[in-house]
Amino acid sequence: MDLKSYRNKLVGSENERAVSPVIGVILMVAITVILAAVIAAFVLDLGGSVGQEAQAGVSLEVDNSAEEVQVEVTSLGNADHVNLSTSDTGSNWDSSDAEYLKVGDTRTFNASTSGGSPVHLENSGTISAVAVINESDTETSVGSEEWNFN
């Protein structure tokens, strides 16, 4: 059996080769470098320092004519709870009434001068809702509204 005719068909002539040896070496080195970088990223945990922002759905409604601010937590997303803060501490602002809010919790704040609940607000200010992830101590502002009861 004469295999010389098959050899010429399989190997091809100098003009029929697909990739030169130099290009082949460059491709192999590039693949090795990329593979080493991917393995190093996993081993050194380079992507682990990127944190996820807290997400929550909060409805903030200001009714200046009724001198009232209403806050409702509609969803928590990946957050554990929602805290409220204000630029105006008011005459009886109680942070315990505005922390650790869960889905369905509603808080009403107004400009009434009578103490107790709802919390008394000054004539103007800003109320902010902050979603919190306990595990990573991540806090992300998810809503803010200004009021002006003048």
C-alpha atoms as a PDB file:
ATOM      1  CA  MET A   1       0.000   0.000   0.000  1.00  0.00           C
ATOM      2  CA  ASP A   2       1.444   3.330  -1.075  1.00  0.00           C
ATOM      3  CA  LEU A   3       0.638   6.097   1.476  1.00  0.00           C
ATOM      4  CA  LYS A   4       2.602   8.891  -0.226  1.00  0.00           C
ATOM      5  CA  SER A   5      -0.488  10.065  -2.082  1.00  0.00           C
ATOM      6  CA  TYR A   6      -2.471  10.230   1.181  1.00  0.00           C
ATOM      7  CA  ARG A   7       0.387  12.054   2.956  1.00  0.00           C
ATOM      8  CA  ASN A   8       0.312  14.858   0.408  1.00  0.00           C
ATOM      9  CA  LYS A   9      -3.459  15.206   0.842  1.00  0.00           C
ATOM     10  CA  LEU A  10      -3.284  15.306   4.676  1.00  0.00           C
ATOM     11  CA  VAL A  11      -0.246  17.546   5.188  1.00  0.00           C
ATOM     12  CA  GLY A  12      -0.545  19.756   2.168  1.00  0.00           C
ATOM     13  CA  SER A  13       2.134  21.797   0.507  1.00  0.00           C
ATOM     14  CA  GLU A  14       3.835  24.931   1.897  1.00  0.00           C
ATOM     15  CA  ASN A  15       1.176  27.117   0.258  1.00  0.00           C
ATOM     16  CA  GLU A  16      -1.725  25.178   1.768  1.00  0.00           C
ATOM     17  CA  ARG A  17      -0.827  25.364   5.480  1.00  0.00           C
ATOM     18  CA  ALA A  18      -3.410  27.298   7.546  1.00  0.00           C
ATOM     19  CA  VAL A  19      -1.302  28.887  10.318  1.00  0.00           C
ATOM     20  CA  SER A  20       2.387  29.694  10.375  1.00  0.00           C
ATOM     21  CA  PRO A  21       4.397  28.430  13.367  1.00  0.00           C
ATOM     22  CA  VAL A  22       5.006  32.001  14.634  1.00  0.00           C
ATOM     23  CA  ILE A  23       1.280  32.798  14.764  1.00  0.00           C
ATOM     24  CA  GLY A  24       0.626  29.474  16.476  1.00  0.00           C
ATOM     25  CA  VAL A  25       3.164  30.277  19.221  1.00  0.00           C
ATOM     26  CA  ILE A  26       1.704  33.770  19.742  1.00  0.00           C
ATOM     27  CA  LEU A  27      -1.813  32.321  20.086  1.00  0.00           C
ATOM     28  CA  MET A  28      -0.642  29.709  22.600  1.00  0.00           C
ATOM     29  CA  VAL A  29       1.118  32.366  24.731  1.00  0.00           C
ATOM     30  CA  ALA A  30      -1.980  34.605  24.658  1.00  0.00           C
ATOM     31  CA  ILE A  31      -4.239  31.755  25.727  1.00  0.00           C
ATOM     32  CA  THR A  32      -1.842  30.856  28.554  1.00  0.00           C
ATOM     33  CA  VAL A  33      -1.729  34.453  29.839  1.00  0.00           C
ATOM     34  CA  ILE A  34      -5.531  34.806  29.789  1.00  0.00           C
ATOM     35  CA  LEU A  35      -5.980  31.474  31.536  1.00  0.00           C
ATOM     36  CA  ALA A  36      -3.442  32.449  34.221  1.00  0.00           C
ATOM     37  CA  ALA A  37      -5.253  35.773  34.822  1.00  0.00           C
ATOM     38  CA  VAL A  38      -8.636  34.064  35.244  1.00  0.00           C
ATOM     39  CA  ILE A  39      -7.218  31.495  37.668  1.00  0.00           C
ATOM     40  CA  ALA A  40      -5.437  34.219  39.655  1.00  0.00           C
ATOM     41  CA  ALA A  41      -8.685  36.215  39.933  1.00  0.00           C
ATOM     42  CA  PHE A  42     -10.472  33.210  41.438  1.00  0.00           C
ATOM     43  CA  VAL A  43      -7.621  32.239  43.759  1.00  0.00           C
ATOM     44  CA  LEU A  44      -7.012  35.771  45.052  1.00  0.00           C
ATOM     45  CA  ASP A  45     -10.770  36.556  45.209  1.00  0.00           C
ATOM     46  CA  LEU A  46     -10.304  39.871  43.429  1.00  0.00           C
ATOM     47  CA  GLY A  47     -14.028  40.218  42.655  1.00  0.00           C
ATOM     48  CA  GLY A  48     -15.131  39.579  46.244  1.00  0.00           C
ATOM     49  CA  SER A  49     -14.607  43.150  47.391  1.00  0.00           C
ATOM     50  CA  VAL A  50     -17.373  44.489  45.164  1.00  0.00           C
ATOM     51  CA  GLY A  51     -20.452  44.928  47.350  1.00  0.00           C
ATOM     52  CA  GLN A  52     -24.071  44.860  46.377  1.00  0.00           C
ATOM     53  CA  GLU A  53     -26.235  47.892  47.041  1.00  0.00           C
ATOM     54  CA  ALA A  54     -29.290  47.550  49.241  1.00  0.00           C
ATOM     55  CA  GLN A  55     -32.595  47.767  47.381  1.00  0.00           C
ATOM     56  CA  ALA A  56     -36.071  48.495  48.705  1.00  0.00           C
ATOM     57  CA  GLY A  57     -39.318  50.058  47.514  1.00  0.00           C
ATOM     58  CA  VAL A  58     -40.513  53.024  49.553  1.00  0.00           C
ATOM     59  CA  SER A  59     -43.407  55.392  48.891  1.00  0.00           C
ATOM     60  CA  LEU A  60     -42.827  58.942  50.223  1.00  0.00           C
ATOM     61  CA  GLU A  61     -45.774  61.312  49.894  1.00  0.00           C
ATOM     62  CA  VAL A  62     -45.795  64.943  51.003  1.00  0.00           C
ATOM     63  CA  ASP A  63     -49.099  66.776  51.366  1.00  0.00           C
ATOM     64  CA  ASN A  64     -48.153  70.403  52.040  1.00  0.00           C
ATOM     65  CA  SER A  65     -51.791  71.526  52.366  1.00  0.00           C
ATOM     66  CA  ALA A  66     -52.488  68.943  55.102  1.00  0.00           C
ATOM     67  CA  GLU A  67     -48.990  69.524  56.530  1.00  0.00           C
ATOM     68  CA  GLU A  68     -48.310  65.796  56.475  1.00  0.00           C
ATOM     69  CA  VAL A  69     -45.609  63.390  55.271  1.00  0.00           C
ATOM     70  CA  GLN A  70     -46.552  59.735  54.808  1.00  0.00           C
ATOM     71  CA  VAL A  71     -44.007  56.933  54.329  1.00  0.00           C
ATOM     72  CA  GLU A  72     -44.842  53.349  53.339  1.00  0.00           C
ATOM     73  CA  VAL A  73     -42.444  50.457  52.729  1.00  0.00           C
ATOM     74  CA  THR A  74     -43.758  48.597  49.653  1.00  0.00           C
ATOM     75  CA  SER A  75     -40.951  46.037  49.172  1.00  0.00           C
ATOM     76  CA  LEU A  76     -37.598  45.142  50.690  1.00  0.00           C
ATOM     77  CA  GLY A  77     -35.763  43.711  47.677  1.00  0.00           C
ATOM     78  CA  ASN A  78     -32.462  42.454  49.106  1.00  0.00           C
ATOM     79  CA  ALA A  79     -32.571  44.763  52.162  1.00  0.00           C
ATOM     80  CA  ASP A  80     -33.285  43.539  55.691  1.00  0.00           C
ATOM     81  CA  HIS A  81     -35.129  46.703  56.753  1.00  0.00           C
ATOM     82  CA  VAL A  82     -35.565  50.431  56.049  1.00  0.00           C
ATOM     83  CA  ASN A  83     -34.598  53.318  58.332  1.00  0.00           C
ATOM     84  CA  LEU A  84     -35.931  56.861  58.087  1.00  0.00           C
ATOM     85  CA  SER A  85     -33.998  60.003  58.853  1.00  0.00           C
ATOM     86  CA  THR A  86     -34.773  63.690  58.572  1.00  0.00           C
ATOM     87  CA  SER A  87     -32.873  66.934  58.340  1.00  0.00           C
ATOM     88  CA  ASP A  88     -35.334  68.245  60.933  1.00  0.00           C
ATOM     89  CA  THR A  89     -35.255  66.451  64.259  1.00  0.00           C
ATOM     90  CA  GLY A  90     -38.551  68.140  65.216  1.00  0.00           C
ATOM     91  CA  SER A  91     -39.717  68.661  68.742  1.00  0.00           C
ATOM     92  CA  ASN A  92     -40.452  64.981  69.387  1.00  0.00           C
ATOM     93  CA  TRP A  93     -38.654  63.008  66.654  1.00  0.00           C
ATOM     94  CA  ASP A  94     -38.206  59.490  67.968  1.00  0.00           C
ATOM     95  CA  SER A  95     -35.767  57.443  65.885  1.00  0.00           C
ATOM     96  CA  SER A  96     -37.190  54.192  67.277  1.00  0.00           C
ATOM     97  CA  ASP A  97     -40.428  54.995  65.419  1.00  0.00           C
ATOM     98  CA  ALA A  98     -38.476  55.365  62.164  1.00  0.00           C
ATOM     99  CA  GLU A  99     -36.089  52.379  62.275  1.00  0.00           C
ATOM    100  CA  TYR A 100     -36.369  48.724  61.287  1.00  0.00           C
ATOM    101  CA  LEU A 101     -39.387  49.248  59.025  1.00  0.00           C
ATOM    102  CA  LYS A 102     -40.587  46.167  57.118  1.00  0.00           C
ATOM    103  CA  VAL A 103     -42.962  45.642  54.163  1.00  0.00           C
ATOM    104  CA  GLY A 104     -46.370  47.183  54.826  1.00  0.00           C
ATOM    105  CA  ASP A 105     -45.158  49.478  57.615  1.00  0.00           C
ATOM    106  CA  THR A 106     -46.552  53.003  57.317  1.00  0.00           C
ATOM    107  CA  ARG A 107     -45.442  56.079  59.236  1.00  0.00           C
ATOM    108  CA  THR A 108     -47.146  59.466  59.247  1.00  0.00           C
ATOM    109  CA  PHE A 109     -45.401  62.663  60.292  1.00  0.00           C
ATOM    110  CA  ASN A 110     -47.142  66.042  60.503  1.00  0.00           C
ATOM    111  CA  ALA A 111     -46.785  69.624  61.659  1.00  0.00           C
ATOM    112  CA  SER A 112     -49.298  69.265  64.460  1.00  0.00           C
ATOM    113  CA  THR A 113     -48.084  70.915  67.649  1.00  0.00           C
ATOM    114  CA  SER A 114     -49.617  68.187  69.769  1.00  0.00           C
ATOM    115  CA  GLY A 115     -46.987  65.752  71.030  1.00  0.00           C
ATOM    116  CA  GLY A 116     -46.997  61.996  70.675  1.00  0.00           C
ATOM    117  CA  SER A 117     -47.774  60.134  67.510  1.00  0.00           C
ATOM    118  CA  PRO A 118     -47.710  61.178  64.745  1.00  0.00           C
ATOM    119  CA  VAL A 119     -44.308  62.803  65.121  1.00  0.00           C
ATOM    120  CA  HIS A 120     -44.249  66.589  64.955  1.00  0.00           C
ATOM    121  CA  LEU A 121     -42.265  68.132  62.085  1.00  0.00           C
ATOM    122  CA  GLU A 122     -40.995  71.656  61.695  1.00  0.00           C
ATOM    123  CA  ASN A 123     -42.196  73.848  58.808  1.00  0.00           C
ATOM    124  CA  SER A 124     -39.644  72.586  56.278  1.00  0.00           C
ATOM    125  CA  GLY A 125     -37.091  69.842  55.872  1.00  0.00           C
ATOM    126  CA  THR A 126     -36.197  66.618  54.093  1.00  0.00           C
ATOM    127  CA  ILE A 127     -37.080  63.035  54.958  1.00  0.00           C
ATOM    128  CA  SER A 128     -34.937  60.175  53.604  1.00  0.00           C
ATOM    129  CA  ALA A 129     -35.447  56.415  53.449  1.00  0.00           C
ATOM    130  CA  VAL A 130     -32.346  54.226  53.721  1.00  0.00           C
ATOM    131  CA  ALA A 131     -32.351  50.485  52.883  1.00  0.00           C
ATOM    132  CA  VAL A 132     -30.044  48.412  55.106  1.00  0.00           C
ATOM    133  CA  ILE A 133     -28.379  45.010  54.615  1.00  0.00           C
ATOM    134  CA  ASN A 134     -27.341  43.822  58.089  1.00  0.00           C
ATOM    135  CA  GLU A 135     -24.776  41.211  57.043  1.00  0.00           C
ATOM    136  CA  SER A 136     -22.511  43.645  55.178  1.00  0.00           C
ATOM    137  CA  ASP A 137     -23.582  46.855  56.973  1.00  0.00           C
ATOM    138  CA  THR A 138     -24.569  48.260  53.589  1.00  0.00           C
ATOM    139  CA  GLU A 139     -26.817  51.325  53.588  1.00  0.00           C
ATOM    140  CA  THR A 140     -28.293  52.787  50.407  1.00  0.00           C
ATOM    141  CA  SER A 141     -30.600  55.783  50.100  1.00  0.00           C
ATOM    142  CA  VAL A 142     -33.752  54.629  48.292  1.00  0.00           C
ATOM    143  CA  GLY A 143     -35.869  57.765  48.503  1.00  0.00           C
ATOM    144  CA  SER A 144     -35.981  61.338  49.705  1.00  0.00           C
ATOM    145  CA  GLU A 145     -38.657  64.036  49.793  1.00  0.00           C
ATOM    146  CA  GLU A 146     -38.670  67.673  50.852  1.00  0.00           C
ATOM    147  CA  TRP A 147     -41.584  69.373  52.572  1.00  0.00           C
ATOM    148  CA  ASN A 148     -42.438  73.000  53.125  1.00  0.00           C
ATOM    149  CA  PHE A 149     -45.507  73.643  55.273  1.00  0.00           C
ATOM    150  CA  ASN A 150     -45.250  77.455  55.122  1.00  0.00           C
END
